[in-house]
Protein backbone atom coordinates (compact mmCIF):
# COMPACT_ATOMS: atom_id res chain seq x y z
CA MET A 1 0.00 0.00 0.00
CA ALA A 2 1.23 3.48 -0.84
CA ALA A 3 1.62 5.80 2.12
CA LYS A 4 -0.20 9.14 2.01
CA LYS A 5 1.99 12.16 1.48
CA LYS A 6 1.69 14.91 4.04
CA SER A 7 0.65 18.21 2.46
CA SER A 8 3.27 20.91 2.80
CA ARG A 9 0.80 23.76 2.39
CA ARG A 10 0.14 26.02 5.33
CA LYS A 11 -3.23 25.63 6.99
CA TYR A 12 -3.18 29.18 8.36
CA GLY A 13 -1.61 32.21 6.66
CA LYS A 14 1.03 34.49 8.17
CA ALA A 15 -1.51 37.27 8.71
CA ALA A 16 -3.70 34.89 10.73
CA GLY A 17 -0.73 33.99 12.93
CA LYS A 18 -0.04 37.66 13.59
CA ARG A 19 -3.68 38.28 14.55
CA VAL A 20 -3.61 35.40 17.01
CA GLU A 21 -0.30 36.61 18.40
CA SER A 22 -1.67 40.11 18.99
CA ALA A 23 -4.81 38.67 20.61
CA MET A 24 -2.64 36.63 22.98
CA LYS A 25 -0.65 39.75 23.91
CA ARG A 26 -3.87 41.67 24.58
CA ARG A 27 -5.09 38.80 26.76
CA LYS A 28 -1.87 38.94 28.80
CA LYS A 29 -2.22 42.70 29.12
CA GLY A 30 -5.87 42.32 30.18
CA THR A 31 -7.33 44.41 27.37
CA LEU A 32 -8.84 41.57 25.30
CA LYS A 33 -12.63 41.53 25.63
CA SER A 34 -15.12 39.00 24.30
CA GLY A 35 -18.16 39.72 22.17
CA LYS A 36 -18.86 42.19 19.38
CA GLY A 37 -17.18 45.52 19.88
CA GLY A 38 -15.46 44.26 23.04
CA LYS A 39 -18.62 44.74 25.10
CA GLY A 40 -18.18 41.44 26.95
CA GLY A 41 -15.99 40.63 29.90
CA LYS A 42 -12.24 40.07 30.05
CA VAL A 43 -10.90 37.00 28.27
CA LYS A 44 -8.91 34.74 30.59
CA SER A 45 -8.83 31.53 28.57
CA ARG A 46 -5.98 30.82 26.14
CA LYS A 47 -8.28 28.95 23.77
CA GLN A 48 -10.76 31.81 23.73
CA ALA A 49 -7.98 34.29 22.88
CA ILE A 50 -6.87 32.10 19.97
CA ALA A 51 -10.47 31.83 18.73
CA ILE A 52 -10.88 35.61 18.86
CA GLY A 53 -7.61 36.11 16.97
CA LEU A 54 -8.69 33.67 14.26
CA SER A 55 -12.12 35.25 13.87
CA GLU A 56 -10.51 38.69 13.53
CA ALA A 57 -8.20 37.26 10.86
CA ARG A 58 -11.19 35.71 9.10
CA GLU A 59 -12.95 39.10 9.02
CA LYS A 60 -9.87 40.75 7.50
CA GLY A 61 -9.66 38.08 4.79
CA ALA A 62 -6.59 36.15 5.99
CA LYS A 63 -6.14 32.48 5.11
CA VAL A 64 -8.01 30.65 7.86
CA PRO A 65 -10.03 27.42 7.51
CA ARG A 66 -13.79 27.72 7.86
CA LYS A 67 -15.50 27.25 11.20
CA LYS A 68 -16.87 23.77 11.76
CA SER A 69 -20.65 23.86 12.09
CA SER A 70 -21.76 21.49 14.80
CA SER A 71 -24.75 19.22 14.29
CA ARG A 72 -25.53 19.36 18.03
CA LYS A 73 -26.81 22.93 17.85
CA LYS A 74 -29.39 22.04 15.21
CA SER A 75 -30.72 19.02 17.09
CA SER A 76 -30.96 20.86 20.42
CA THR A 77 -32.93 23.76 18.92
CA ARG A 78 -35.41 21.33 17.38
CA LYS A 79 -35.99 19.67 20.72
CA LYS A 80 -36.61 23.00 22.43
CA SER A 81 -39.12 24.16 19.82
CA SER A 82 -41.08 20.90 20.01
CA SER A 83 -41.22 21.08 23.82
CA ARG A 84 -42.54 24.62 23.61
CA LYS A 85 -45.36 23.55 21.33
CA LYS A 86 -46.36 20.79 23.73
CA SER A 87 -46.41 23.14 26.70
CA THR A 88 -48.61 25.69 24.87
CA ARG A 89 -51.09 22.96 23.96
CA LYS A 90 -51.41 21.95 27.58
CA LYS A 91 -52.13 25.52 28.61
CA SER A 92 -54.80 26.03 25.94
CA SER A 93 -56.55 22.77 26.87
CA ALA A 94 -56.55 23.80 30.52
CA ARG A 95 -58.22 27.09 29.59
CA LYS A 96 -60.95 25.32 27.62
CA LYS A 97 -61.76 23.13 30.63
CA ARG A 98 -62.25 26.19 32.82
CA LEU A 99 -64.75 27.74 30.40
């Protein structure tokens, strides 16, 4: 069997690396905030700082792989919506009994 060759291409561009680096420095300094426009609280987690740096790089058009969309979010929202419908039906039937 032929062994797979490892790709020599970079996964992330240089600009993306610089964005992450600056985000990490801001985290150390205590000026990195989470959320849009930095309205959230201080970022303390290393992973969160990296994620913020990558998203900033993505916005600026640097070479960064796409975000992975999780299938869990879709399934959990469906469950919530179905449970809401059931609860509203119970309430309406209780009202009819009172009348």
